[in-house]
Protein backbone atom coordinates (compact mmCIF):
# COMPACT_ATOMS: atom_id res chain seq x y z
CA MET A 1 18.00 -0.75 -39.06
CA LYS A 2 21.59 0.18 -38.11
CA LYS A 3 22.92 -2.89 -39.99
CA ASN A 4 21.16 -1.79 -43.17
CA ARG A 5 22.52 1.75 -42.85
CA ILE A 6 26.08 0.39 -42.55
CA LYS A 7 25.47 -1.91 -45.51
CA GLY A 8 24.17 1.04 -47.51
CA LEU A 9 27.21 3.13 -46.69
CA LEU A 10 29.55 0.30 -47.66
CA THR A 11 27.71 -0.16 -50.92
CA ALA A 12 28.01 3.58 -51.62
CA VAL A 13 31.76 3.45 -50.98
CA VAL A 14 32.13 0.54 -53.41
CA LEU A 15 30.14 2.39 -56.06
CA LEU A 16 32.07 5.60 -55.64
CA SER A 17 35.40 3.82 -55.82
CA GLY A 18 34.34 2.20 -59.08
CA LEU A 19 33.14 5.50 -60.52
CA SER A 20 36.31 7.34 -59.58
CA SER A 21 38.44 5.30 -61.97
CA THR A 22 39.80 6.97 -65.11
CA SER A 23 36.46 7.17 -66.90
CA ALA A 24 33.03 5.64 -66.59
CA TRP A 25 32.69 5.55 -70.38
CA GLY A 26 32.30 1.97 -71.48
CA GLN A 27 32.16 0.55 -67.97
CA THR A 28 29.30 -1.63 -66.84
CA MET A 29 27.98 -2.00 -63.31
CA VAL A 30 26.71 -5.49 -62.47
CA VAL A 31 24.54 -6.09 -59.39
CA TYR A 32 24.63 -9.64 -58.00
CA SER A 33 21.89 -11.01 -55.74
CA SER A 34 22.55 -12.86 -52.49
CA ASN A 35 22.45 -16.23 -54.29
CA GLY A 36 25.22 -15.09 -56.68
CA SER A 37 23.04 -14.65 -59.77
CA GLU A 38 23.15 -11.49 -61.84
CA ALA A 39 20.29 -9.21 -60.78
CA GLY A 40 21.00 -6.25 -63.06
CA ARG A 41 23.50 -4.89 -65.59
CA TYR A 42 23.85 -1.15 -66.31
CA ALA A 43 26.13 0.84 -68.62
CA LEU A 44 27.55 3.62 -66.46
CA ALA A 45 27.48 6.05 -69.38
CA GLU A 46 23.69 5.61 -69.49
CA THR A 47 23.13 5.58 -65.72
CA THR A 48 21.80 8.94 -64.56
CA ARG A 49 21.36 8.31 -60.83
CA MET A 50 22.00 5.79 -58.08
CA ILE A 51 19.90 6.47 -55.01
CA PHE A 52 20.57 4.84 -51.66
CA GLY A 53 17.78 4.66 -49.13
CA GLU A 54 17.65 3.12 -45.66
CA GLU A 55 17.04 -0.36 -47.06
CA SER A 56 17.26 -0.08 -50.84
CA MET A 57 19.28 1.07 -53.83
CA THR A 58 17.64 2.44 -56.99
CA VAL A 59 19.41 2.68 -60.33
CA LYS A 60 17.95 5.11 -62.90
CA THR A 61 19.02 5.08 -66.54
CA ALA A 62 18.92 7.70 -69.31
CA ASP A 63 15.84 6.09 -70.85
CA THR A 64 14.02 6.84 -67.55
CA GLU A 65 13.82 3.19 -66.53
CA SER A 66 14.66 2.34 -62.95
CA ALA A 67 15.31 -0.74 -60.85
CA THR A 68 15.20 -0.99 -57.08
CA PHE A 69 17.16 -3.54 -55.07
CA SER A 70 16.84 -4.38 -51.39
CA LEU A 71 20.27 -3.86 -49.78
CA GLY A 72 19.77 -7.13 -47.89
CA GLN A 73 19.46 -8.99 -51.20
CA ILE A 74 22.62 -7.54 -52.81
CA ARG A 75 25.64 -9.82 -52.55
CA CYS A 76 28.05 -7.52 -54.40
CA ILE A 77 28.37 -4.88 -57.08
CA LYS A 78 31.15 -5.21 -59.65
CA PHE A 79 32.41 -2.92 -62.37
CA GLU A 80 33.41 -4.41 -65.69
CA ASP A 81 35.86 -2.44 -67.79
CA PRO A 82 36.13 -3.18 -71.53
CA THR A 83 39.88 -2.48 -71.37
CA SER A 84 40.33 -5.34 -68.93
CA ILE A 85 41.57 -8.46 -70.66
CA GLN A 86 40.26 -11.48 -68.77
CA GLY A 87 39.41 -15.09 -69.43
CA ILE A 88 41.12 -15.45 -72.80
CA THR A 89 41.00 -19.05 -73.96
CA THR A 90 42.71 -19.74 -77.24
CA SER A 91 45.29 -22.17 -78.53
CA THR A 92 48.03 -19.72 -77.51
CA ALA A 93 46.60 -19.08 -74.04
CA LYS A 94 49.81 -20.48 -72.52
CA LEU A 95 51.42 -17.08 -73.11
CA ARG A 96 51.97 -15.07 -69.97
CA ALA A 97 53.23 -11.52 -69.58
CA ARG A 98 54.41 -9.74 -66.46
CA LEU A 99 56.02 -6.41 -65.71
CA SER A 100 59.35 -6.72 -63.90
CA GLY A 101 60.84 -3.31 -63.19
CA ASP A 102 61.25 -1.55 -66.55
CA PHE A 103 60.86 -4.77 -68.55
CA ILE A 104 57.89 -6.83 -69.74
CA VAL A 105 58.68 -10.51 -69.68
CA VAL A 106 56.64 -12.73 -72.02
CA GLU A 107 56.76 -16.46 -71.41
CA GLY A 108 55.38 -19.28 -73.52
CA LEU A 109 56.38 -18.49 -77.10
CA SER A 110 58.44 -21.73 -77.19
CA GLY A 111 60.90 -20.67 -79.88
CA GLU A 112 58.23 -19.07 -82.08
CA THR A 113 58.27 -15.49 -83.30
CA ALA A 114 55.33 -13.16 -83.62
CA ASP A 115 54.68 -9.49 -84.13
CA ALA A 116 54.09 -7.66 -80.86
CA ARG A 117 52.85 -4.16 -80.26
CA ILE A 118 52.23 -1.91 -77.29
CA VAL A 119 49.29 0.46 -77.51
CA ALA A 120 48.39 3.33 -75.17
CA LEU A 121 44.82 3.72 -73.95
CA ASN A 122 44.23 6.53 -76.46
CA GLY A 123 44.81 3.96 -79.23
CA SER A 124 48.21 5.18 -80.35
CA GLU A 125 50.82 2.52 -81.05
CA VAL A 126 53.86 3.31 -78.89
CA MET A 127 56.02 0.30 -79.75
CA LEU A 128 56.14 -2.27 -82.56
CA LEU A 129 58.31 -5.39 -82.35
CA ASN A 130 58.55 -7.36 -85.59
CA ARG A 131 59.44 -11.05 -85.22
CA PHE A 132 59.31 -10.84 -81.41
CA GLY A 133 60.79 -13.99 -79.88
CA GLY A 134 60.06 -13.47 -76.19
CA GLN A 135 63.06 -11.37 -75.21
CA PRO A 136 62.35 -8.89 -72.36
CA ILE A 137 60.81 -5.65 -73.65
CA ASN A 138 62.33 -2.47 -72.22
CA VAL A 139 59.50 -0.02 -71.43
CA ALA A 140 61.60 2.46 -69.40
CA SER A 141 61.10 5.18 -72.03
CA LEU A 142 57.28 5.00 -71.83
CA PRO A 143 55.56 7.63 -69.68
CA HIS A 144 53.56 6.39 -66.69
CA GLY A 145 50.16 5.10 -67.75
CA ILE A 146 48.10 2.08 -68.76
CA TYR A 147 49.10 0.12 -71.85
CA ILE A 148 48.05 -3.00 -73.74
CA LEU A 149 50.64 -5.45 -75.06
CA ARG A 150 49.36 -7.49 -78.00
CA VAL A 151 51.20 -10.71 -78.93
CA LYS A 152 49.60 -13.11 -81.42
CA ASP A 153 45.89 -13.13 -80.59
CA LEU A 154 46.35 -12.29 -76.90
CA SER A 155 46.31 -8.95 -75.11
CA PHE A 156 47.84 -8.09 -71.75
CA LYS A 157 47.08 -4.91 -69.85
CA PHE A 158 49.89 -3.41 -67.76
CA VAL A 159 50.40 -0.27 -65.72
CA LYS A 160 53.73 1.51 -65.81
């Protein structure tokens, strides 16, 4: 009984930390069972309640549906964010970007040029680089926040 209570509290902490991010709009909560398979997927914008009992968790959605999971059968709960850029596999997937101080360093253009742009999370374009050849991009003038760098058909999220 005490083990389940601790597990329930840990699960609640994980959920609350995921909900406290910038906005739940667009995020999805995925519940994985103990064997690693997906047990449930819920849009947080449509989730009205998450109820934790001694040995279970219930998720209720806006359309009044609900699902109950035994805490002993939950392996993990993850939050997917549509602004996260992950698992891109294209012919130009060898491009890599990293933030180094006030500069973004893009590697892998191999002498090519491409248009590059930096977009803020509100959708406004904050920087446009025509015929970008991979030189370091100075982002010192940008206010602190989350941005997306788009080069060719790849996007890279960075936090300044």
